[in-house]
Every structure is written in C-alpha cells, then in structure tokens.
Amino acid sequence: MAGPAPLDEYPIHQTPLSMARVGTSDRNFYDRSYFNAHDRDGGTLLVTGLGVYPNLGVTDAYLAVRRGDEVRSVRFSDALGERSLDMRVGDYRIEVIEPLQKLRLVCESADLACDLTWTGAFPTVQEQPHLILNGNRPIIDASRFAQVGSWEGALHVADSEITVDPAVWTGTRDRSWGIRPVGESEPPGRAAAEPSGGFWWLYVPLRFEEFAIVVIVQEEPHGRRTLNDAVRVWPDGRVEQLGWPRVHIEYRSGTRIPVGARLDLTTPDGKPLEVEITAGIGMPLHVGCGYGGDPDWLHGQWKGRGWSESRLYDLTDPAVAGRIPYGVIDHVAHARCGSAEGWGLFEHASIGRHDPSGFADWGSVAP
C-alpha cells in the first residue's frame, strides 16, 4: 500500500486515496504542463513541458527551440518519487510563483538553457472535457485549462544568448490531466486491424490586447465533431461562448501544412465574429518534443534513472522531413479580429481521411 505523500498535508483530496495514488489504475494516467513562447517575428519558437505518470512511476520534461530549419531539443526523465509540490526532473524545473498567474521555468542544460517567467495576460479558462474512444475504451479522457500571456528572462541556445522581453515575447500554456496514450506502446490488438482512418485536430488560443480567444475543434474522418469549444475571455474573468466555429484552412499546395485560416464564430447575441489567422514558423511536436509518433522518445517512457539527452534536428533532412506531416504541428499564429491584432498558437493535425477537407486517405494533400 502506498504511504502518505507530502501532498497529503494539504486539504486537496478528491478520492479516498493518498495523493501518492490516482483514482484510476489505467496505466495511461498523466498530469502535464505545456508551454510555448515566441518572439512574434518568426525567428524563434520554443515549446516545453513537464509530465508526471503515477501509474508508470515516471516523470519527464523537455525543452525544444526552433530557429531557422533547426530544432534543438533536450529531454529529461527519471523515476517518480514522492508526489509533492516540487516540479523538477534533472536540470529542469517549474516554480509556481502565483497560482494560475505567474510561473518560473528553468532549464540548465549545457546545450539549451533558460530562466523564464510567465505572466498570464488574462485569467485561465477551463476547456470542455477531451474524450476520444477506441470502441468503448477511452484513449483520451482529460481535463485541461488554458491561458495566454507573456514571457520575460533569458534563453541560451548553443552559443547564442537571447533576451526575452515581455513587450515582444508572448505565448500560451495549458495544464492537463487524465488519460492519454503515454509510455511504451500497448499491444495494438483490434485497433491496428480496424483503425479509425484519420485524426483531425485544431487548437487556437490567441491573445489580443483587450481579450483572449480559445478555439478547439476535433473531428472524426467523416466530419462528425467530437469536441467543440470556442470562448472569448475578458480581463475580469467573464467567459463568452462563441458558438459552433466554422473552420476554413488554407494549406500549402501539395501538403497539409497550413498557411492561413479563417474562423467564423458567433457571439451570444447572434452576431458574427471573424478571426483571420496567418500561420508562421512551426514546431512538429513529434520531432524532439516526445509527442505521439516521435521515434526517439515518448512521454512516460521508462529510460532509467537520471536519464537526459540532447538532440539537434535538421528539418530539411529527408529522414526528418518525411515524418513531419504525420503528427501535430504547433505554429506561431498572427491573428486579426476586426481591428484587433493578436498573437498566439495555431496547433493543427490533419492525418489520414478527413471528408470536409477533401482528404480521402493518408496520402491526400492540398491541390
């Protein structure tokens, strides 16, 4: 039986268990932070995060920076000890300065280092539950909150030192927990013989001067929408629902790489609200960041105690470029909503069949 954990000292329990355990035996339970940061001009894009996998006994973190056609990535993994308020693995740590508002992110690797402070520009927003079923089994069943904000501090990439000015550097973050595929692959079983045929996902948190907009859309191959969430967040914490987004994506010819998009939203009083987006520099999350499809390292994998690794990826290398389309890609987003200018994230994946986009199979691309 798991003994008391440091978190048990706090009145935060939600099950009749010690905080050393979670309320499910599912091996895929996870608890993770994600952040991105960019300088708006497309010169530098940073993606990073830390995760805890209680039923796998693993904790890990990563930091990846894209500049030009190169992605430099550092990863850390270790055995999960006592669950506590200390979010640290290897040379990476996250400090909560003011919950839901201000955090500090530190990485002290020789090849890639940072000391950055996040400040939320608007209150966090709770998203709709994320659920994907494989037959009757949930393979994703998670809660998540999101926030847009700014960064301040310093970033060291190889021999370059970059001053991170909050007047320029912006980004988004999320905290999610629940069930999703993590760690070593499970036996494929029926899912391999009867695959869904495709995956289509859109996540767009945007920061404007007077408000934030967060849009999430997830669709099955024939177009049925399994997640629909569109809100506008105001400085006083009001959350305004923006209806059923109609999504129009422009892809680069011969690819499924987005270059722009239009989101047709609807305010509660029935008026249209249009958001125009230009997609900038992108980070494939399965190239150095450990997300699904990354052949080098996946979140929750057991790599032994005190493991770390530094990698440099050339995105023009055919061995790397050939797998970029088959995963989620995070793009810097430059947006317009009426007269308001905004920045944020355009995260998208279109893999396999998606009838609304005219993609019939895994090899289909835009004309």
Protein backbone atom coordinates (compact mmCIF):
# COMPACT_ATOMS: atom_id res chain seq x y z
CA MET A 1 0.00 0.00 0.00
CA ALA A 2 1.31 3.47 -0.90
CA GLY A 3 2.12 5.51 2.18
CA PRO A 4 1.36 9.18 2.77
CA ALA A 5 2.77 11.69 0.30
CA PRO A 6 3.78 15.30 1.05
CA LEU A 7 0.64 16.48 -0.76
CA ASP A 8 -1.47 14.65 1.83
CA GLU A 9 -0.73 17.51 4.24
CA TYR A 10 -2.96 19.79 2.13
CA PRO A 11 -6.80 19.67 2.00
CA ILE A 12 -6.91 18.87 -1.72
CA HIS A 13 -8.08 15.24 -1.85
CA GLN A 14 -10.77 14.22 -4.32
CA THR A 15 -10.78 10.47 -3.69
CA PRO A 16 -10.42 8.30 -0.55
CA LEU A 17 -6.79 7.66 -1.52
CA SER A 18 -3.42 9.08 -0.59
CA MET A 19 -2.19 11.67 -3.08
CA ALA A 20 0.51 9.14 -3.92
CA ARG A 21 -2.18 7.36 -5.94
CA VAL A 22 -4.69 8.47 -8.55
CA GLY A 23 -8.33 7.45 -8.82
CA THR A 24 -7.77 5.01 -11.68
CA SER A 25 -5.48 2.07 -12.33
CA ASP A 26 -5.24 2.98 -16.04
CA ARG A 27 -1.55 2.91 -16.94
CA ASN A 28 -2.08 5.96 -19.16
CA PHE A 29 -2.98 8.42 -16.41
CA TYR A 30 -0.89 11.59 -16.81
CA ASP A 31 -0.57 15.08 -15.34
CA ARG A 32 1.27 17.57 -17.55
CA SER A 33 2.19 21.20 -18.15
CA TYR A 34 2.75 22.59 -21.67
CA PHE A 35 4.15 26.00 -22.67
CA ASN A 36 5.14 27.77 -25.85
CA ALA A 37 6.95 31.06 -26.38
CA HIS A 38 7.84 33.08 -29.46
CA ASP A 39 9.19 36.47 -30.50
CA ARG A 40 6.35 37.25 -32.95
CA ASP A 41 8.69 37.81 -35.93
CA GLY A 42 9.14 34.10 -36.55
CA GLY A 43 12.79 33.98 -35.59
CA THR A 44 12.44 31.75 -32.54
CA LEU A 45 9.76 29.32 -31.33
CA LEU A 46 10.08 27.47 -28.00
CA VAL A 47 7.92 24.53 -26.87
CA THR A 48 8.38 22.89 -23.48
CA GLY A 49 6.65 20.88 -20.78
CA LEU A 50 6.83 18.60 -17.76
CA GLY A 51 4.78 15.48 -17.08
CA VAL A 52 4.07 13.04 -14.26
CA TYR A 53 2.85 9.47 -14.90
CA PRO A 54 1.94 7.99 -11.49
CA ASN A 55 0.94 4.52 -12.68
CA LEU A 56 4.10 4.18 -14.75
CA GLY A 57 6.34 5.55 -11.99
CA VAL A 58 7.92 8.05 -14.36
CA THR A 59 8.37 11.83 -14.58
CA ASP A 60 9.91 13.68 -17.51
CA ALA A 61 10.38 17.05 -19.18
CA TYR A 62 11.56 18.50 -22.47
CA LEU A 63 12.60 21.84 -23.98
CA ALA A 64 12.77 22.38 -27.75
CA VAL A 65 13.64 25.53 -29.69
CA ARG A 66 13.29 26.09 -33.41
CA ARG A 67 15.43 28.68 -35.19
CA GLY A 68 15.52 28.57 -38.97
CA ASP A 69 15.32 24.94 -40.10
CA GLU A 70 16.89 23.53 -36.92
CA VAL A 71 15.22 22.21 -33.79
CA ARG A 72 17.43 21.78 -30.74
CA SER A 73 15.89 19.62 -28.03
CA VAL A 74 16.83 18.47 -24.53
CA ARG A 75 14.88 15.81 -22.61
CA PHE A 76 15.00 14.57 -19.02
CA SER A 77 13.42 11.51 -17.44
CA ASP A 78 13.60 9.86 -14.03
CA ALA A 79 11.81 7.59 -11.61
CA LEU A 80 8.87 9.33 -9.97
CA GLY A 81 9.47 9.74 -6.26
CA GLU A 82 7.05 11.17 -3.72
CA ARG A 83 4.34 13.27 -5.32
CA SER A 84 4.81 16.77 -3.95
CA LEU A 85 4.69 20.43 -4.96
CA ASP A 86 8.26 20.21 -6.31
CA MET A 87 8.04 20.04 -10.12
CA ARG A 88 11.55 19.05 -11.05
CA VAL A 89 13.31 16.43 -13.18
CA GLY A 90 17.02 16.52 -13.94
CA ASP A 91 18.15 20.03 -14.83
CA TYR A 92 14.59 21.21 -15.45
CA ARG A 93 12.07 22.68 -13.03
CA ILE A 94 8.84 24.68 -12.88
CA GLU A 95 8.16 27.01 -9.94
CA VAL A 96 4.67 28.31 -9.18
CA ILE A 97 5.10 31.92 -8.03
CA GLU A 98 1.42 32.85 -8.09
CA PRO A 99 -1.02 30.03 -8.92
CA LEU A 100 -2.87 30.48 -12.23
CA GLN A 101 -0.97 33.69 -12.93
CA LYS A 102 2.85 33.64 -12.62
CA LEU A 103 5.33 30.77 -13.04
CA ARG A 104 9.07 30.39 -13.45
CA LEU A 105 10.62 27.88 -15.85
CA VAL A 106 14.29 26.94 -15.50
CA CYS A 107 16.39 24.59 -17.63
CA GLU A 108 20.14 24.35 -17.00
CA SER A 109 21.33 22.08 -19.81
CA ALA A 110 24.63 22.95 -21.46
CA ASP A 111 23.17 22.94 -24.99
CA LEU A 112 19.84 24.60 -24.27
CA ALA A 113 19.05 26.62 -21.17
CA CYS A 114 16.53 29.17 -20.00
CA ASP A 115 15.33 31.14 -17.00
CA LEU A 116 11.90 32.43 -17.96
CA THR A 117 8.99 33.91 -16.04
CA TRP A 118 5.45 33.50 -17.32
CA THR A 119 2.77 36.10 -16.56
CA GLY A 120 -0.82 35.46 -17.56
CA ALA A 121 -2.40 38.25 -19.62
CA PHE A 122 -5.95 37.03 -18.87
CA PRO A 123 -7.46 34.54 -16.42
CA THR A 124 -7.18 30.83 -17.14
CA VAL A 125 -10.12 29.21 -18.92
CA GLN A 126 -11.39 25.68 -18.32
CA GLU A 127 -11.86 23.82 -21.58
CA GLN A 128 -14.54 21.32 -22.44
CA PRO A 129 -13.61 17.72 -21.49
CA HIS A 130 -11.43 15.97 -24.05
CA LEU A 131 -12.68 12.49 -24.95
CA ILE A 132 -11.69 10.04 -27.70
CA LEU A 133 -12.97 6.45 -27.64
CA ASN A 134 -11.43 3.39 -29.20
CA GLY A 135 -14.53 1.23 -29.32
CA ASN A 136 -15.85 1.68 -25.80
CA ARG A 137 -12.48 2.37 -24.21
CA PRO A 138 -11.37 5.97 -23.60
CA ILE A 139 -7.91 6.52 -25.04
CA ILE A 140 -8.14 10.24 -24.22
CA ASP A 141 -10.25 11.36 -21.29
CA ALA A 142 -8.80 14.56 -19.90
CA SER A 143 -9.42 17.94 -18.29
CA ARG A 144 -7.44 20.98 -19.33
CA PHE A 145 -7.20 24.70 -18.67
CA ALA A 146 -5.50 27.23 -20.93
CA GLN A 147 -4.02 30.71 -20.65
CA VAL A 148 -2.34 33.30 -22.86
CA GLY A 149 0.43 35.53 -21.54
CA SER A 150 3.93 36.92 -21.83
CA TRP A 151 7.49 35.78 -21.05
CA GLU A 152 10.49 37.53 -19.50
CA GLY A 153 14.04 36.34 -18.88
CA ALA A 154 16.84 34.74 -20.89
CA LEU A 155 17.20 31.88 -23.33
CA HIS A 156 20.52 30.25 -24.25
CA VAL A 157 20.66 28.24 -27.49
CA ALA A 158 24.09 26.68 -28.13
CA ASP A 159 26.39 29.75 -28.23
CA SER A 160 23.61 32.34 -28.54
CA GLU A 161 22.04 34.25 -25.65
CA ILE A 162 18.60 35.71 -26.30
CA THR A 163 16.99 38.36 -24.09
CA VAL A 164 13.30 37.56 -23.67
CA ASP A 165 11.45 40.89 -23.46
CA PRO A 166 7.80 40.63 -22.30
CA ALA A 167 6.88 43.50 -24.61
CA VAL A 168 7.73 41.20 -27.53
CA TRP A 169 7.65 37.62 -26.29
CA THR A 170 4.24 36.07 -25.94
CA GLY A 171 2.81 32.57 -25.84
CA THR A 172 0.24 30.20 -24.45
CA ARG A 173 0.16 27.41 -21.88
CA ASP A 174 -2.09 24.64 -20.69
CA ARG A 175 -2.34 22.21 -17.79
CA SER A 176 -4.00 18.89 -18.47
CA TRP A 177 -4.53 15.65 -16.60
CA GLY A 178 -6.41 12.43 -17.14
CA ILE A 179 -5.86 9.59 -19.61
CA ARG A 180 -4.00 9.64 -22.91
CA PRO A 181 -1.53 7.23 -24.55
CA VAL A 182 1.83 7.51 -22.75
CA GLY A 183 4.88 5.37 -22.14
CA GLU A 184 5.69 2.18 -24.02
CA SER A 185 3.25 1.09 -26.71
CA GLU A 186 0.43 -1.21 -25.70
CA PRO A 187 -0.46 -4.31 -27.74
CA PRO A 188 -2.25 -2.95 -30.83
CA GLY A 189 -4.94 -5.63 -30.94
CA ARG A 190 -8.16 -4.81 -32.73
CA ALA A 191 -7.28 -1.12 -33.07
CA ALA A 192 -4.50 -1.99 -35.52
CA ALA A 193 -6.80 -4.17 -37.62
CA GLU A 194 -9.67 -1.68 -37.60
CA PRO A 195 -8.13 1.80 -37.41
CA SER A 196 -10.27 4.93 -37.36
CA GLY A 197 -8.83 6.07 -40.68
CA GLY A 198 -7.85 9.57 -39.64
CA PHE A 199 -7.36 12.24 -37.00
CA TRP A 200 -8.25 15.94 -37.33
CA TRP A 201 -7.48 18.45 -34.59
CA LEU A 202 -7.39 22.24 -34.23
CA TYR A 203 -6.36 24.21 -31.13
CA VAL A 204 -6.10 28.01 -31.38
CA PRO A 205 -5.50 30.11 -28.24
CA LEU A 206 -5.00 33.78 -29.22
CA ARG A 207 -4.02 36.85 -27.22
CA PHE A 208 -5.41 40.25 -28.18
CA GLU A 209 -4.92 43.45 -26.20
CA GLU A 210 -8.46 43.55 -24.77
CA PHE A 211 -9.44 39.86 -24.77
CA ALA A 212 -8.31 36.30 -25.47
CA ILE A 213 -9.94 33.73 -27.74
CA VAL A 214 -9.57 29.95 -27.36
CA VAL A 215 -10.96 27.62 -30.03
CA ILE A 216 -10.75 23.80 -30.01
CA VAL A 217 -12.21 21.54 -32.67
CA GLN A 218 -11.80 17.78 -33.04
CA GLU A 219 -13.44 15.80 -35.84
CA GLU A 220 -13.77 12.21 -36.98
CA PRO A 221 -12.86 11.25 -40.59
CA HIS A 222 -16.42 11.78 -41.86
CA GLY A 223 -16.60 15.18 -40.18
CA ARG A 224 -18.57 14.43 -37.01
CA ARG A 225 -17.36 16.87 -34.37
CA THR A 226 -16.39 15.22 -31.09
CA LEU A 227 -15.05 18.36 -29.40
CA ASN A 228 -16.33 21.87 -29.97
CA ASP A 229 -15.19 24.70 -27.72
CA ALA A 230 -14.92 28.37 -28.61
CA VAL A 231 -14.75 31.14 -26.00
CA ARG A 232 -13.66 34.73 -25.52
CA VAL A 233 -12.05 35.58 -22.18
CA TRP A 234 -12.20 39.10 -20.74
CA PRO A 235 -9.84 40.63 -18.13
CA ASP A 236 -12.48 40.41 -15.38
CA GLY A 237 -12.79 36.66 -15.88
CA ARG A 238 -16.00 36.64 -17.92
CA VAL A 239 -16.09 33.80 -20.43
CA GLU A 240 -18.23 34.40 -23.52
CA GLN A 241 -19.18 31.36 -25.60
CA LEU A 242 -18.71 31.80 -29.34
CA GLY A 243 -20.94 29.12 -30.79
CA TRP A 244 -20.09 26.50 -33.37
CA PRO A 245 -16.87 27.52 -35.17
CA ARG A 246 -16.80 27.17 -38.92
CA VAL A 247 -13.19 26.48 -39.84
CA HIS A 248 -11.64 27.32 -43.22
CA ILE A 249 -7.97 26.33 -43.56
CA GLU A 250 -5.68 27.20 -46.47
CA TYR A 251 -2.95 24.62 -46.98
CA ARG A 252 0.32 24.98 -48.82
CA SER A 253 -0.13 23.32 -52.21
CA GLY A 254 0.99 19.70 -52.26
CA THR A 255 0.94 19.43 -48.45
CA ARG A 256 -1.28 19.59 -45.40
CA ILE A 257 0.81 22.35 -43.85
CA PRO A 258 -1.49 25.31 -43.02
CA VAL A 259 -0.53 28.78 -44.19
CA GLY A 260 -3.69 30.55 -43.01
CA ALA A 261 -7.18 30.09 -41.69
CA ARG A 262 -10.47 31.84 -41.06
CA LEU A 263 -12.62 31.07 -38.03
CA ASP A 264 -16.24 32.11 -38.30
CA LEU A 265 -17.55 32.47 -34.73
CA THR A 266 -20.84 33.74 -33.28
CA THR A 267 -21.30 35.93 -30.22
CA PRO A 268 -24.10 35.16 -27.72
CA ASP A 269 -26.32 37.82 -29.29
CA GLY A 270 -26.07 36.10 -32.67
CA LYS A 271 -23.60 38.47 -34.33
CA PRO A 272 -20.76 37.07 -36.45
CA LEU A 273 -17.19 37.30 -35.17
CA GLU A 274 -14.48 36.55 -37.72
CA VAL A 275 -10.86 35.71 -36.91
CA GLU A 276 -8.26 35.69 -39.69
CA ILE A 277 -5.02 33.80 -38.97
CA THR A 278 -1.66 33.62 -40.68
CA ALA A 279 0.34 30.55 -39.67
CA GLY A 280 4.05 31.20 -39.20
CA ILE A 281 7.02 29.10 -38.12
CA GLY A 282 6.04 25.64 -36.89
CA MET A 283 7.29 23.04 -34.42
CA PRO A 284 6.39 19.39 -35.13
CA LEU A 285 5.59 18.02 -31.67
CA HIS A 286 6.75 14.55 -32.74
CA VAL A 287 10.23 15.82 -33.65
CA GLY A 288 12.06 16.32 -30.37
CA CYS A 289 9.11 17.03 -28.08
CA GLY A 290 8.07 13.45 -27.29
CA TYR A 291 4.51 13.52 -28.60
CA GLY A 292 2.88 10.62 -30.46
CA GLY A 293 4.92 9.45 -33.42
CA ASP A 294 8.30 10.60 -32.08
CA PRO A 295 10.62 7.60 -32.69
CA ASP A 296 13.36 8.90 -30.39
CA TRP A 297 11.49 9.42 -27.11
CA LEU A 298 7.89 9.44 -25.91
CA HIS A 299 6.35 10.95 -22.79
CA GLY A 300 6.21 8.47 -19.93
CA GLN A 301 8.75 6.03 -21.40
CA TRP A 302 10.99 4.38 -18.85
CA LYS A 303 14.52 5.47 -19.74
CA GLY A 304 16.13 4.61 -16.42
CA ARG A 305 17.02 6.85 -13.51
CA GLY A 306 18.60 10.22 -14.16
CA TRP A 307 18.33 10.00 -17.96
CA SER A 308 18.91 13.02 -20.19
CA GLU A 309 19.55 13.59 -23.86
CA SER A 310 20.32 16.46 -26.22
CA ARG A 311 19.45 16.29 -29.92
CA LEU A 312 19.72 18.56 -32.95
CA TYR A 313 17.26 18.04 -35.82
CA ASP A 314 17.59 19.40 -39.35
CA LEU A 315 14.02 19.78 -40.63
CA THR A 316 15.27 19.68 -44.23
CA ASP A 317 16.84 16.23 -43.71
CA PRO A 318 14.65 13.82 -45.75
CA ALA A 319 14.58 11.37 -42.84
CA VAL A 320 13.05 14.05 -40.63
CA ALA A 321 11.00 15.96 -43.22
CA GLY A 322 9.28 12.77 -44.32
CA ARG A 323 7.58 12.27 -40.96
CA ILE A 324 6.63 15.89 -40.21
CA PRO A 325 3.14 15.64 -41.82
CA TYR A 326 2.13 12.69 -39.63
CA GLY A 327 1.73 14.44 -36.31
CA VAL A 328 0.57 17.59 -34.54
CA ILE A 329 2.38 20.79 -35.53
CA ASP A 330 2.43 23.97 -33.43
CA HIS A 331 2.58 27.17 -35.49
CA VAL A 332 3.03 30.76 -34.42
CA ALA A 333 -0.30 32.46 -35.16
CA HIS A 334 -0.71 36.10 -36.21
CA ALA A 335 -4.40 36.99 -36.00
CA ARG A 336 -6.91 39.72 -36.80
CA CYS A 337 -10.33 40.03 -35.18
CA GLY A 338 -11.96 43.13 -36.58
CA SER A 339 -9.49 45.94 -35.89
CA ALA A 340 -7.72 43.99 -33.13
CA GLU A 341 -4.34 42.35 -33.76
CA GLY A 342 -3.41 39.23 -31.85
CA TRP A 343 -0.74 36.54 -31.47
CA GLY A 344 -0.86 33.00 -30.25
CA LEU A 345 -0.80 29.38 -31.28
CA PHE A 346 -2.23 27.60 -34.33
CA GLU A 347 -1.95 23.90 -33.46
CA HIS A 348 -3.18 21.55 -36.13
CA ALA A 349 -3.11 17.95 -37.26
CA SER A 350 -4.80 16.52 -40.35
CA ILE A 351 -3.76 12.89 -40.70
CA GLY A 352 -5.46 10.32 -42.89
CA ARG A 353 -9.00 10.74 -44.16
CA HIS A 354 -10.98 13.92 -43.48
CA ASP A 355 -14.01 14.30 -45.73
CA PRO A 356 -14.76 18.01 -45.01
CA SER A 357 -11.24 18.92 -46.17
CA GLY A 358 -11.39 16.68 -49.24
CA PHE A 359 -8.61 14.39 -48.00
CA ALA A 360 -9.54 10.83 -48.94
CA ASP A 361 -6.66 8.90 -47.40
CA TRP A 362 -3.23 9.10 -45.76
CA GLY A 363 -1.55 10.29 -48.95
CA SER A 364 -4.02 13.04 -49.87
CA VAL A 365 -2.70 16.61 -49.98
CA ALA A 366 -3.99 20.03 -50.95
CA PRO A 367 -4.12 20.81 -54.68
